[in-house]
Amino acid sequence: CFSLRWRKLSQLNVLVYVSMLKPTEEFIEQNLKHVKDNINEDPMKWPPIDISTEYYILDGHHRHQIALRSGLQYVRANIFNFFSNQIKVYKYGTNTQLCKHKLMSIYKTGKLLKPKSTKHIFEAFNIE
């Protein structure tokens, strides 16, 4: 007999230098005010920016831009293994799964994807 427990995808929550973060998508200038108005004034209370172990931004491009413009030195971040089976990447607004290896090749060139090009799904997994 065994019971299943659910646990969030393995991650590391840390403070990182804003300057180390590598954007992967352009941001929408008009959305910055909306995002800034809806996050806490204290950056340590912002939702963490989701990044890969290589410091590529998976989610949080607008928060990153706000941090840069505010002159912040550090932000909270969740660091994930981008190639984990528990992370799926889809073309934004569709069910079309994207190849993470192709995306990483693009990220390494420094070329930014269009805003809202990708959607990262961080799946939970079960353990015994």
C-alpha atoms as a PDB file:
ATOM      1  CA  CYS A   1       0.000   0.000   0.000  1.00  0.00           C
ATOM      2  CA  PHE A   2       1.270   3.469  -0.818  1.00  0.00           C
ATOM      3  CA  SER A   3      -0.050   6.986  -0.932  1.00  0.00           C
ATOM      4  CA  LEU A   4       0.744   9.622  -3.487  1.00  0.00           C
ATOM      5  CA  ARG A   5       1.801  13.086  -2.450  1.00  0.00           C
ATOM      6  CA  TRP A   6       1.942  15.977  -4.880  1.00  0.00           C
ATOM      7  CA  ARG A   7       4.919  18.272  -4.917  1.00  0.00           C
ATOM      8  CA  LYS A   8       5.672  21.333  -7.008  1.00  0.00           C
ATOM      9  CA  LEU A   9       8.274  20.998  -9.754  1.00  0.00           C
ATOM     10  CA  SER A  10      11.755  21.149  -8.277  1.00  0.00           C
ATOM     11  CA  GLN A  11      13.044  24.700  -8.271  1.00  0.00           C
ATOM     12  CA  LEU A  12      15.502  26.966  -6.524  1.00  0.00           C
ATOM     13  CA  ASN A  13      14.204  30.326  -5.243  1.00  0.00           C
ATOM     14  CA  VAL A  14      17.064  32.828  -5.016  1.00  0.00           C
ATOM     15  CA  LEU A  15      18.060  36.466  -5.348  1.00  0.00           C
ATOM     16  CA  VAL A  16      19.823  37.168  -8.642  1.00  0.00           C
ATOM     17  CA  TYR A  17      21.506  40.217 -10.110  1.00  0.00           C
ATOM     18  CA  VAL A  18      19.117  41.906 -12.522  1.00  0.00           C
ATOM     19  CA  SER A  19      22.061  42.396 -14.892  1.00  0.00           C
ATOM     20  CA  MET A  20      22.574  38.610 -15.156  1.00  0.00           C
ATOM     21  CA  LEU A  21      19.073  37.919 -16.480  1.00  0.00           C
ATOM     22  CA  LYS A  22      18.787  37.239 -20.204  1.00  0.00           C
ATOM     23  CA  PRO A  23      15.515  38.197 -21.901  1.00  0.00           C
ATOM     24  CA  THR A  24      14.159  35.762 -24.481  1.00  0.00           C
ATOM     25  CA  GLU A  25      11.199  37.841 -25.705  1.00  0.00           C
ATOM     26  CA  GLU A  26      10.519  41.476 -26.382  1.00  0.00           C
ATOM     27  CA  PHE A  27       8.206  43.201 -23.919  1.00  0.00           C
ATOM     28  CA  ILE A  28       5.151  45.345 -24.622  1.00  0.00           C
ATOM     29  CA  GLU A  29       5.856  48.938 -23.590  1.00  0.00           C
ATOM     30  CA  GLN A  30       2.156  49.682 -23.019  1.00  0.00           C
ATOM     31  CA  ASN A  31       1.921  46.785 -20.540  1.00  0.00           C
ATOM     32  CA  LEU A  32       4.667  48.097 -18.247  1.00  0.00           C
ATOM     33  CA  LYS A  33       2.429  50.601 -16.444  1.00  0.00           C
ATOM     34  CA  HIS A  34      -0.272  47.975 -15.894  1.00  0.00           C
ATOM     35  CA  VAL A  35       2.250  45.489 -14.489  1.00  0.00           C
ATOM     36  CA  LYS A  36       3.932  48.131 -12.328  1.00  0.00           C
ATOM     37  CA  ASP A  37       0.550  49.261 -10.944  1.00  0.00           C
ATOM     38  CA  ASN A  38      -0.299  45.662 -10.019  1.00  0.00           C
ATOM     39  CA  ILE A  39       2.862  44.631  -8.199  1.00  0.00           C
ATOM     40  CA  ASN A  40       3.933  45.566  -4.699  1.00  0.00           C
ATOM     41  CA  GLU A  41       6.200  48.578  -4.223  1.00  0.00           C
ATOM     42  CA  ASP A  42       8.614  46.295  -2.373  1.00  0.00           C
ATOM     43  CA  PRO A  43      10.465  44.265  -5.058  1.00  0.00           C
ATOM     44  CA  MET A  44      11.066  41.460  -2.558  1.00  0.00           C
ATOM     45  CA  LYS A  45       7.295  40.918  -2.528  1.00  0.00           C
ATOM     46  CA  TRP A  46       7.035  40.692  -6.333  1.00  0.00           C
ATOM     47  CA  PRO A  47       6.275  37.291  -7.813  1.00  0.00           C
ATOM     48  CA  PRO A  48       9.658  35.702  -8.626  1.00  0.00           C
ATOM     49  CA  ILE A  49      10.866  35.828 -12.221  1.00  0.00           C
ATOM     50  CA  ASP A  50      11.085  32.303 -13.648  1.00  0.00           C
ATOM     51  CA  ILE A  51      14.467  31.656 -15.250  1.00  0.00           C
ATOM     52  CA  SER A  52      16.492  28.756 -16.602  1.00  0.00           C
ATOM     53  CA  THR A  53      19.754  27.597 -15.037  1.00  0.00           C
ATOM     54  CA  GLU A  54      21.420  29.611 -17.823  1.00  0.00           C
ATOM     55  CA  TYR A  55      19.572  32.770 -16.593  1.00  0.00           C
ATOM     56  CA  TYR A  56      17.224  32.972 -19.610  1.00  0.00           C
ATOM     57  CA  ILE A  57      13.893  34.521 -18.615  1.00  0.00           C
ATOM     58  CA  LEU A  58      11.012  32.060 -18.985  1.00  0.00           C
ATOM     59  CA  ASP A  59       8.357  34.270 -17.377  1.00  0.00           C
ATOM     60  CA  GLY A  60       8.653  37.824 -16.073  1.00  0.00           C
ATOM     61  CA  HIS A  61       9.947  39.990 -18.914  1.00  0.00           C
ATOM     62  CA  HIS A  62       7.885  42.994 -17.804  1.00  0.00           C
ATOM     63  CA  ARG A  63       9.012  42.674 -14.160  1.00  0.00           C
ATOM     64  CA  HIS A  64      12.603  42.422 -15.415  1.00  0.00           C
ATOM     65  CA  GLN A  65      12.182  45.602 -17.451  1.00  0.00           C
ATOM     66  CA  ILE A  66      10.652  47.415 -14.451  1.00  0.00           C
ATOM     67  CA  ALA A  67      13.582  46.276 -12.301  1.00  0.00           C
ATOM     68  CA  LEU A  68      16.080  47.572 -14.875  1.00  0.00           C
ATOM     69  CA  ARG A  69      14.333  50.936 -15.177  1.00  0.00           C
ATOM     70  CA  SER A  70      14.067  51.230 -11.390  1.00  0.00           C
ATOM     71  CA  GLY A  71      17.781  50.610 -10.986  1.00  0.00           C
ATOM     72  CA  LEU A  72      17.285  47.516  -8.845  1.00  0.00           C
ATOM     73  CA  GLN A  73      20.350  45.413  -8.249  1.00  0.00           C
ATOM     74  CA  TYR A  74      18.563  42.162  -7.263  1.00  0.00           C
ATOM     75  CA  VAL A  75      15.242  40.426  -7.886  1.00  0.00           C
ATOM     76  CA  ARG A  76      13.784  37.166  -6.646  1.00  0.00           C
ATOM     77  CA  ALA A  77      13.874  34.348  -9.160  1.00  0.00           C
ATOM     78  CA  ASN A  78      12.832  30.724  -9.461  1.00  0.00           C
ATOM     79  CA  ILE A  79      15.534  28.781 -11.281  1.00  0.00           C
ATOM     80  CA  PHE A  80      14.387  25.771 -13.300  1.00  0.00           C
ATOM     81  CA  ASN A  81      16.097  23.187 -15.450  1.00  0.00           C
ATOM     82  CA  PHE A  82      14.684  24.261 -18.820  1.00  0.00           C
ATOM     83  CA  PHE A  83      15.128  20.762 -20.244  1.00  0.00           C
ATOM     84  CA  SER A  84      13.195  19.053 -17.447  1.00  0.00           C
ATOM     85  CA  ASN A  85      10.353  16.838 -18.648  1.00  0.00           C
ATOM     86  CA  GLN A  86       8.067  18.741 -16.264  1.00  0.00           C
ATOM     87  CA  ILE A  87       8.447  21.957 -18.286  1.00  0.00           C
ATOM     88  CA  LYS A  88       6.471  22.191 -21.496  1.00  0.00           C
ATOM     89  CA  VAL A  89       6.686  25.141 -23.879  1.00  0.00           C
ATOM     90  CA  TYR A  90       3.818  26.087 -26.161  1.00  0.00           C
ATOM     91  CA  LYS A  91       3.265  28.699 -28.805  1.00  0.00           C
ATOM     92  CA  TYR A  92       1.312  31.331 -26.882  1.00  0.00           C
ATOM     93  CA  GLY A  93      -2.460  30.962 -27.216  1.00  0.00           C
ATOM     94  CA  THR A  94      -2.280  27.530 -28.859  1.00  0.00           C
ATOM     95  CA  ASN A  95      -1.767  23.871 -28.005  1.00  0.00           C
ATOM     96  CA  THR A  96       1.279  23.699 -30.281  1.00  0.00           C
ATOM     97  CA  GLN A  97       4.231  22.401 -28.298  1.00  0.00           C
ATOM     98  CA  LEU A  98       7.602  23.939 -29.200  1.00  0.00           C
ATOM     99  CA  CYS A  99      11.016  22.249 -29.296  1.00  0.00           C
ATOM    100  CA  LYS A 100      13.060  23.428 -26.314  1.00  0.00           C
ATOM    101  CA  HIS A 101      16.345  22.675 -28.088  1.00  0.00           C
ATOM    102  CA  LYS A 102      15.398  24.950 -30.998  1.00  0.00           C
ATOM    103  CA  LEU A 103      14.297  27.658 -28.574  1.00  0.00           C
ATOM    104  CA  MET A 104      17.576  27.416 -26.641  1.00  0.00           C
ATOM    105  CA  SER A 105      19.484  27.776 -29.910  1.00  0.00           C
ATOM    106  CA  ILE A 106      17.578  30.999 -30.585  1.00  0.00           C
ATOM    107  CA  TYR A 107      18.092  32.237 -27.011  1.00  0.00           C
ATOM    108  CA  LYS A 108      21.848  31.734 -27.313  1.00  0.00           C
ATOM    109  CA  THR A 109      21.989  34.047 -30.342  1.00  0.00           C
ATOM    110  CA  GLY A 110      20.568  36.890 -28.246  1.00  0.00           C
ATOM    111  CA  LYS A 111      17.766  37.415 -30.749  1.00  0.00           C
ATOM    112  CA  LEU A 112      14.523  38.192 -28.924  1.00  0.00           C
ATOM    113  CA  LEU A 113      11.267  36.512 -29.865  1.00  0.00           C
ATOM    114  CA  LYS A 114       8.172  38.642 -30.360  1.00  0.00           C
ATOM    115  CA  PRO A 115       6.232  39.456 -27.174  1.00  0.00           C
ATOM    116  CA  LYS A 116       4.017  36.648 -25.874  1.00  0.00           C
ATOM    117  CA  SER A 117       5.520  34.110 -28.303  1.00  0.00           C
ATOM    118  CA  THR A 118       5.797  31.320 -25.765  1.00  0.00           C
ATOM    119  CA  LYS A 119       3.926  29.946 -22.775  1.00  0.00           C
ATOM    120  CA  HIS A 120       5.844  27.807 -20.272  1.00  0.00           C
ATOM    121  CA  ILE A 121       3.845  25.235 -18.345  1.00  0.00           C
ATOM    122  CA  PHE A 122       5.460  24.040 -15.135  1.00  0.00           C
ATOM    123  CA  GLU A 123       3.828  20.693 -14.389  1.00  0.00           C
ATOM    124  CA  ALA A 124       3.555  19.169 -10.936  1.00  0.00           C
ATOM    125  CA  PHE A 125       4.686  15.623 -10.512  1.00  0.00           C
ATOM    126  CA  ASN A 126       3.799  12.918  -8.053  1.00  0.00           C
ATOM    127  CA  ILE A 127       6.151  11.127  -5.689  1.00  0.00           C
ATOM    128  CA  GLU A 128       5.694   8.070  -3.508  1.00  0.00           C
END
